[in-house]
Amino acid sequence: MFSDELKSLLIKVITSWQVLTVTGVLVVYIFLVNYVARLYHRNKPIPMPKPGKGKEAAPGAAAPEPGSGDELELEEKGE
């Protein structure tokens, strides 16, 4: 499939110091990025809500009645 010339040229290119250096730098860079990502993305504990401090309706606010209307304010037609 490949001629002997092409095989020897490909081997010389792959084993050249430039290609080996760039490959090594890329591998080190990927390891560094993964290390920093793991440090930054540590699982932090979820804060537990304090008793009596839940999300409650304000004393003066009226709660909407269930079934009092559509979100789109559409009227139903009676038959």
Protein backbone atom coordinates (compact mmCIF):
# COMPACT_ATOMS: atom_id res chain seq x y z
CA MET A 1 0.00 0.00 0.00
CA PHE A 2 2.72 2.48 1.03
CA SER A 3 6.02 2.64 -0.71
CA ASP A 4 9.21 2.21 1.30
CA GLU A 5 10.05 5.88 0.83
CA LEU A 6 6.75 7.01 2.30
CA LYS A 7 7.13 4.66 5.28
CA SER A 8 10.60 5.92 6.11
CA LEU A 9 9.46 9.56 5.74
CA LEU A 10 6.51 8.96 8.05
CA ILE A 11 8.74 7.34 10.68
CA LYS A 12 11.17 10.26 10.51
CA VAL A 13 8.35 12.80 10.93
CA ILE A 14 6.78 10.98 13.88
CA THR A 15 10.10 10.55 15.67
CA SER A 16 11.33 14.10 15.07
CA TRP A 17 12.07 16.13 18.18
CA GLN A 18 9.50 18.80 17.25
CA VAL A 19 6.60 16.33 17.07
CA LEU A 20 7.68 14.58 20.27
CA THR A 21 8.03 17.90 22.14
CA VAL A 22 4.62 19.19 21.06
CA THR A 23 3.02 15.86 21.97
CA GLY A 24 4.63 15.91 25.42
CA VAL A 25 3.53 19.50 26.04
CA LEU A 26 -0.04 18.68 25.04
CA VAL A 27 -0.15 15.69 27.38
CA VAL A 28 1.16 17.78 30.30
CA TYR A 29 -1.36 20.53 29.47
CA ILE A 30 -4.29 18.08 29.45
CA PHE A 31 -3.21 16.62 32.82
CA LEU A 32 -2.90 20.14 34.27
CA VAL A 33 -6.36 21.18 33.05
CA ASN A 34 -7.92 18.01 34.47
CA TYR A 35 -6.18 18.54 37.82
CA VAL A 36 -7.40 22.14 38.10
CA ALA A 37 -10.92 21.12 37.05
CA ARG A 38 -11.01 18.46 39.77
CA LEU A 39 -9.82 20.97 42.38
CA TYR A 40 -12.41 23.54 41.32
CA HIS A 41 -15.32 21.10 41.03
CA ARG A 42 -15.25 19.45 44.42
CA ASN A 43 -18.59 18.43 45.84
CA LYS A 44 -19.58 20.97 48.43
CA PRO A 45 -22.01 19.95 51.16
CA ILE A 46 -25.56 21.17 50.64
CA PRO A 47 -26.49 23.62 53.41
CA MET A 48 -29.42 22.35 55.44
CA PRO A 49 -32.24 24.87 56.03
CA LYS A 50 -32.54 26.08 59.57
CA PRO A 51 -35.72 25.11 61.46
CA GLY A 52 -38.34 27.84 61.35
CA LYS A 53 -36.61 29.66 58.50
CA GLY A 54 -38.42 27.92 55.62
CA LYS A 55 -40.03 29.67 52.69
CA GLU A 56 -43.38 30.66 54.10
CA ALA A 57 -45.93 33.09 52.73
CA ALA A 58 -45.92 36.54 54.25
CA PRO A 59 -48.71 37.06 56.83
CA GLY A 60 -50.41 39.80 54.78
CA ALA A 61 -50.14 38.09 51.41
CA ALA A 62 -53.20 36.26 50.12
CA ALA A 63 -52.65 32.87 48.55
CA PRO A 64 -54.28 32.38 45.14
CA GLU A 65 -57.30 30.08 45.11
CA PRO A 66 -56.72 26.77 43.40
CA GLY A 67 -58.48 26.60 40.04
CA SER A 68 -59.21 30.33 40.07
CA GLY A 69 -57.95 30.82 36.51
CA ASP A 70 -55.74 29.71 33.70
CA GLU A 71 -52.22 30.94 33.25
CA LEU A 72 -53.21 32.17 29.81
CA GLU A 73 -56.36 33.91 31.10
CA LEU A 74 -58.55 31.85 28.78
CA GLU A 75 -62.29 31.59 29.43
CA GLU A 76 -64.13 28.32 29.15
CA LYS A 77 -67.22 28.23 26.94
CA GLY A 78 -70.27 26.57 28.45
CA GLU A 79 -72.49 24.30 26.37
